[in-house]
Amino acid sequence: MRFTAISWNLFHGRDFPPDPALFTWRSRLLRIEERSETHVQVNRDLVAEFAEVLARASWDVALLQECPPRFAAPLAEACGAEGHLVLTARNSASGLRTALARINPDLIASGEGGSNVILVRRAGTLGGIVEEREIAIHAGAPERRAMVFVRTSSGVCVANLHATNDQPALAAEDVLKAAQSSDGWAGDSPLLFGGDLNLRPGEDPGIFDVLRERFGLAGPTAPGAIDHLLARGLEVVETPTPWPAERRELRRGDLALRLSDHAPVQATFETG
């Protein structure tokens, strides 16, 4: 059985044009669109745009990080998928945060609150979700981190984590805790373990050695990458590769709207 997976950090549902000059205070405060010769920067709700990009892509399972919790259901519906999420950080007073994010997403930014989500397409080769789990990986400062896990009817298990950023030692602890939990939950079943691990193999090779030697999780994206799809008990058909920038862009007239500050990473696997 062959299946395709993607991992995408959604940047809290915001756009990210390549020209930093488009990020202005008048856009952030007054919601005025900024334009260059090639791209537009907007400050509005983009759930429909993220749904469009995800729905038109070919995948069987998607691992999403920095996903506004209110995005999960619309994205699943647009993609013909079922999903499971775990809340991460900044989700207290969620009603107020959601209302503010709908009005001005760039101003509240990550303050809207986040989640990690796994979407499994109903028409995909993995079948439906038959088991759902989640675990808090890091509960203290700087902020909560959690892992979401599913078992599909095909037997393939999937775990999704967004590890602590800008602190490699904490990120390594997060990743090892998550790998241990997902390894135990998966048992002898094939396991896909991925997400935004905030660790680069070229800078922190030791942690990827441990993941391979202790848990059998191998195949990081690239030496400088932080978004990974690591596999155990699966044959790699197409290695994890970031999308080119234009694949996460939508045309708005003559200009491009680029979603997120991360490119999705995509890979194809096969069971034995």
Protein backbone atom coordinates (compact mmCIF):
# COMPACT_ATOMS: atom_id res chain seq x y z
CA MET A 1 0.00 0.00 0.00
CA ARG A 2 1.36 3.38 -1.03
CA PHE A 3 0.42 6.72 0.55
CA THR A 4 1.52 10.35 0.44
CA ALA A 5 1.97 12.55 3.50
CA ILE A 6 2.52 16.26 3.95
CA SER A 7 3.57 18.28 6.98
CA TRP A 8 2.75 21.99 7.05
CA ASN A 9 3.13 24.69 9.66
CA LEU A 10 0.26 27.08 8.86
CA PHE A 11 1.77 30.20 10.49
CA HIS A 12 -1.48 30.64 12.44
CA GLY A 13 -3.44 30.94 9.23
CA ARG A 14 -1.61 33.97 7.83
CA ASP A 15 0.14 34.88 4.60
CA PHE A 16 3.85 35.51 4.19
CA PRO A 17 5.02 37.32 1.03
CA PRO A 18 8.73 37.14 0.20
CA ASP A 19 9.22 40.92 0.41
CA PRO A 20 9.51 41.99 4.09
CA ALA A 21 8.70 45.58 3.10
CA LEU A 22 5.08 44.48 2.64
CA PHE A 23 4.72 43.98 6.39
CA THR A 24 3.74 47.49 7.45
CA TRP A 25 2.07 49.02 10.49
CA ARG A 26 -0.76 50.36 8.37
CA SER A 27 -1.47 46.83 7.20
CA ARG A 28 -1.24 45.46 10.73
CA LEU A 29 -3.35 48.18 12.35
CA LEU A 30 -5.65 49.36 9.55
CA ARG A 31 -5.83 46.13 7.49
CA ILE A 32 -4.73 47.90 4.29
CA GLU A 33 -3.41 45.54 1.62
CA GLU A 34 0.21 46.06 0.61
CA ARG A 35 1.41 45.23 -2.89
CA SER A 36 4.67 44.73 -4.70
CA GLU A 37 5.22 43.93 -8.35
CA THR A 38 4.70 40.22 -7.67
CA HIS A 39 2.91 39.68 -4.35
CA VAL A 40 0.15 40.99 -2.12
CA GLN A 41 0.10 41.02 1.68
CA VAL A 42 -3.33 40.84 3.27
CA ASN A 43 -4.60 41.03 6.83
CA ARG A 44 -7.82 39.03 6.84
CA ASP A 45 -9.22 35.60 7.57
CA LEU A 46 -7.64 33.08 5.19
CA VAL A 47 -9.31 29.81 6.13
CA ALA A 48 -10.83 29.51 2.64
CA GLU A 49 -7.45 30.06 1.00
CA PHE A 50 -5.70 27.45 3.15
CA ALA A 51 -8.57 25.06 2.44
CA GLU A 52 -8.18 25.67 -1.30
CA VAL A 53 -4.46 24.90 -1.31
CA LEU A 54 -4.86 21.78 0.83
CA ALA A 55 -7.89 20.50 -1.07
CA ARG A 56 -6.25 20.71 -4.50
CA ALA A 57 -3.06 18.92 -3.34
CA SER A 58 -2.64 15.17 -3.59
CA TRP A 59 -2.09 13.55 -0.19
CA ASP A 60 -3.55 10.86 2.06
CA VAL A 61 -2.52 12.26 5.45
CA ALA A 62 -1.65 15.83 6.47
CA LEU A 63 0.18 16.88 9.63
CA LEU A 64 -0.59 20.52 10.43
CA GLN A 65 1.04 22.75 13.06
CA GLU A 66 0.22 26.29 14.20
CA CYS A 67 -3.30 25.60 13.01
CA PRO A 68 -5.94 27.90 14.52
CA PRO A 69 -8.38 25.48 16.18
CA ARG A 70 -11.28 27.06 14.26
CA PHE A 71 -9.56 26.05 10.99
CA ALA A 72 -9.60 22.31 11.70
CA ALA A 73 -13.21 21.51 10.80
CA PRO A 74 -13.37 23.65 7.61
CA LEU A 75 -10.07 22.23 6.37
CA ALA A 76 -11.21 18.66 7.01
CA GLU A 77 -14.50 19.27 5.22
CA ALA A 78 -12.84 20.90 2.19
CA CYS A 79 -10.40 18.01 1.87
CA GLY A 80 -12.88 15.18 2.41
CA ALA A 81 -10.97 14.16 5.50
CA GLU A 82 -11.51 13.22 9.10
CA GLY A 83 -9.23 14.72 11.68
CA HIS A 84 -7.99 14.79 15.22
CA LEU A 85 -6.46 17.77 16.98
CA VAL A 86 -4.73 18.63 20.21
CA LEU A 87 -4.67 22.17 21.56
CA THR A 88 -1.23 23.65 22.12
CA ALA A 89 -0.61 27.12 23.59
CA ARG A 90 -2.59 30.33 24.20
CA ASN A 91 -6.07 28.85 24.08
CA SER A 92 -7.57 30.36 27.23
CA ALA A 93 -10.55 32.67 26.59
CA SER A 94 -10.79 31.06 23.18
CA GLY A 95 -14.02 32.82 22.21
CA LEU A 96 -12.48 36.25 22.59
CA ARG A 97 -9.27 35.22 20.85
CA THR A 98 -11.23 33.79 17.92
CA ALA A 99 -13.33 36.94 17.57
CA LEU A 100 -10.22 39.13 17.53
CA ALA A 101 -8.47 36.86 15.03
CA ARG A 102 -11.39 37.03 12.63
CA ILE A 103 -11.22 40.85 12.74
CA ASN A 104 -7.44 41.30 12.63
CA PRO A 105 -5.37 38.09 12.33
CA ASP A 106 -2.03 39.86 11.88
CA LEU A 107 -2.45 41.93 15.03
CA ILE A 108 -3.28 39.00 17.32
CA ALA A 109 -0.96 36.64 15.37
CA SER A 110 -0.06 33.59 17.48
CA GLY A 111 -2.15 35.00 20.31
CA GLU A 112 -5.22 33.42 18.72
CA GLY A 113 -4.09 30.04 20.05
CA GLY A 114 -2.92 26.99 18.20
CA SER A 115 -3.32 23.29 17.65
CA ASN A 116 -1.64 20.36 16.01
CA VAL A 117 -3.95 18.52 13.61
CA ILE A 118 -3.84 15.25 11.69
CA LEU A 119 -6.15 14.98 8.67
CA VAL A 120 -6.74 11.61 7.00
CA ARG A 121 -8.57 11.63 3.69
CA ARG A 122 -11.57 9.32 3.59
CA ALA A 123 -10.90 8.44 -0.05
CA GLY A 124 -7.20 7.91 0.59
CA THR A 125 -5.35 4.64 0.91
CA LEU A 126 -4.92 4.78 4.70
CA GLY A 127 -8.61 4.29 5.49
CA GLY A 128 -10.33 5.94 8.42
CA ILE A 129 -9.07 6.83 11.88
CA VAL A 130 -9.67 3.99 14.34
CA GLU A 131 -7.72 5.32 17.34
CA GLU A 132 -7.04 8.86 18.57
CA ARG A 133 -4.61 9.92 21.28
CA GLU A 134 -2.89 13.06 22.47
CA ILE A 135 -0.36 13.93 25.13
CA ALA A 136 1.08 17.09 26.66
CA ILE A 137 4.79 16.96 25.93
CA HIS A 138 5.86 20.21 27.62
CA ALA A 139 3.59 22.10 30.00
CA GLY A 140 5.85 24.81 31.42
CA ALA A 141 7.62 27.87 30.05
CA PRO A 142 8.04 29.03 27.37
CA GLU A 143 4.70 27.48 26.33
CA ARG A 144 2.68 24.28 26.13
CA ARG A 145 3.64 21.69 23.54
CA ALA A 146 1.54 18.65 22.72
CA MET A 147 1.51 15.71 20.32
CA VAL A 148 -1.48 14.31 18.44
CA PHE A 149 -1.55 10.64 17.36
CA VAL A 150 -3.86 8.51 15.24
CA ARG A 151 -4.02 4.90 14.11
CA THR A 152 -5.62 4.32 10.72
CA SER A 153 -7.61 1.30 9.62
CA SER A 154 -4.71 0.38 7.33
CA GLY A 155 -2.56 -0.13 10.43
CA VAL A 156 -0.30 2.87 9.78
CA CYS A 157 0.08 5.15 12.80
CA VAL A 158 0.79 8.87 12.55
CA ALA A 159 2.16 11.29 15.17
CA ASN A 160 2.40 15.08 14.79
CA LEU A 161 4.42 17.46 16.98
CA HIS A 162 5.43 21.11 17.01
CA ALA A 163 8.47 21.23 19.28
CA THR A 164 9.74 24.24 21.23
CA ASN A 165 11.29 26.86 18.97
CA ASP A 166 14.58 28.74 19.33
CA GLN A 167 15.71 26.45 22.17
CA PRO A 168 17.28 23.30 20.68
CA ALA A 169 17.80 21.61 24.04
CA LEU A 170 14.10 21.90 24.90
CA ALA A 171 13.12 20.91 21.37
CA ALA A 172 15.25 17.78 21.67
CA GLU A 173 13.50 16.88 24.94
CA ASP A 174 10.11 17.44 23.30
CA VAL A 175 10.98 15.28 20.33
CA LEU A 176 12.35 12.39 22.40
CA LYS A 177 9.31 12.38 24.69
CA ALA A 178 6.98 12.43 21.71
CA ALA A 179 8.91 9.70 19.91
CA GLN A 180 8.83 7.48 22.99
CA SER A 181 5.07 7.92 23.41
CA SER A 182 4.26 7.37 19.75
CA ASP A 183 6.58 4.35 19.57
CA GLY A 184 4.80 2.78 22.53
CA TRP A 185 1.33 3.54 21.19
CA ALA A 186 2.15 2.24 17.70
CA GLY A 187 3.67 -0.99 18.94
CA ASP A 188 4.74 -3.11 15.98
CA SER A 189 2.67 -1.08 13.49
CA PRO A 190 4.29 1.19 10.89
CA LEU A 191 4.79 4.69 12.26
CA LEU A 192 5.05 8.09 10.60
CA PHE A 193 6.40 10.68 13.05
CA GLY A 194 6.66 14.25 11.89
CA GLY A 195 5.85 17.91 12.16
CA ASP A 196 7.79 21.07 12.88
CA LEU A 197 10.49 19.61 15.12
CA ASN A 198 12.49 22.86 15.29
CA LEU A 199 15.70 20.84 14.96
CA ARG A 200 18.09 20.86 12.02
CA PRO A 201 20.04 17.65 11.33
CA GLY A 202 23.05 19.68 10.24
CA GLU A 203 23.18 21.48 13.60
CA ASP A 204 21.84 18.78 15.94
CA PRO A 205 22.75 15.45 14.33
CA GLY A 206 22.83 13.62 17.65
CA ILE A 207 19.09 13.76 18.22
CA PHE A 208 18.39 12.28 14.77
CA ASP A 209 20.89 9.51 15.50
CA VAL A 210 18.98 8.72 18.69
CA LEU A 211 15.65 8.74 16.87
CA ARG A 212 17.01 6.28 14.32
CA GLU A 213 18.87 3.99 16.74
CA ARG A 214 16.33 3.90 19.59
CA PHE A 215 13.03 4.19 17.73
CA GLY A 216 13.85 3.29 14.13
CA LEU A 217 12.65 6.73 12.93
CA ALA A 218 14.69 7.82 9.94
CA GLY A 219 14.69 10.06 6.89
CA PRO A 220 14.99 13.74 7.92
CA THR A 221 14.17 16.24 5.19
CA ALA A 222 17.50 18.05 4.75
CA PRO A 223 20.44 19.25 6.88
CA GLY A 224 18.92 22.73 7.27
CA ALA A 225 15.26 21.72 7.55
CA ILE A 226 13.09 21.82 10.68
CA ASP A 227 9.96 20.23 9.14
CA HIS A 228 10.33 16.47 8.94
CA LEU A 229 8.51 13.23 8.11
CA LEU A 230 10.37 10.39 9.83
CA ALA A 231 9.32 6.80 9.18
CA ARG A 232 9.61 3.43 10.87
CA GLY A 233 8.47 0.23 9.20
CA LEU A 234 7.76 2.05 5.95
CA GLU A 235 9.61 2.04 2.65
CA VAL A 236 10.41 5.52 1.39
CA VAL A 237 9.22 5.87 -2.20
CA GLU A 238 9.74 9.63 -2.49
CA THR A 239 11.95 11.31 0.08
CA PRO A 240 10.60 14.27 2.11
CA THR A 241 10.88 17.37 -0.06
CA PRO A 242 9.63 20.94 0.51
CA TRP A 243 7.13 22.28 -1.98
CA PRO A 244 8.34 25.06 -4.27
CA ALA A 245 6.96 28.40 -3.11
CA GLU A 246 4.44 28.72 -5.94
CA ARG A 247 2.59 25.58 -4.82
CA ARG A 248 1.38 27.38 -1.70
CA GLU A 249 0.47 30.54 -3.60
CA LEU A 250 -2.89 31.65 -4.99
CA ARG A 251 -3.33 34.15 -7.79
CA ARG A 252 -5.12 37.36 -6.89
CA GLY A 253 -5.30 39.20 -10.19
CA ASP A 254 -1.75 39.75 -11.37
CA LEU A 255 -0.31 39.16 -7.89
CA ALA A 256 0.42 36.10 -5.78
CA LEU A 257 -0.83 35.48 -2.25
CA ARG A 258 1.71 33.23 -0.50
CA LEU A 259 0.40 31.29 2.48
CA SER A 260 2.48 30.65 5.63
CA ASP A 261 6.15 31.18 6.33
CA HIS A 262 6.76 27.42 5.95
CA ALA A 263 6.66 25.33 2.80
CA PRO A 264 4.79 22.03 3.15
CA VAL A 265 7.06 18.99 3.15
CA GLN A 266 5.78 16.04 1.14
CA ALA A 267 6.85 12.39 0.97
CA THR A 268 5.49 9.09 -0.29
CA PHE A 269 5.77 5.81 1.58
CA GLU A 270 4.85 2.20 1.08
CA THR A 271 4.02 -0.55 3.54
CA GLY A 272 5.69 -3.92 3.27
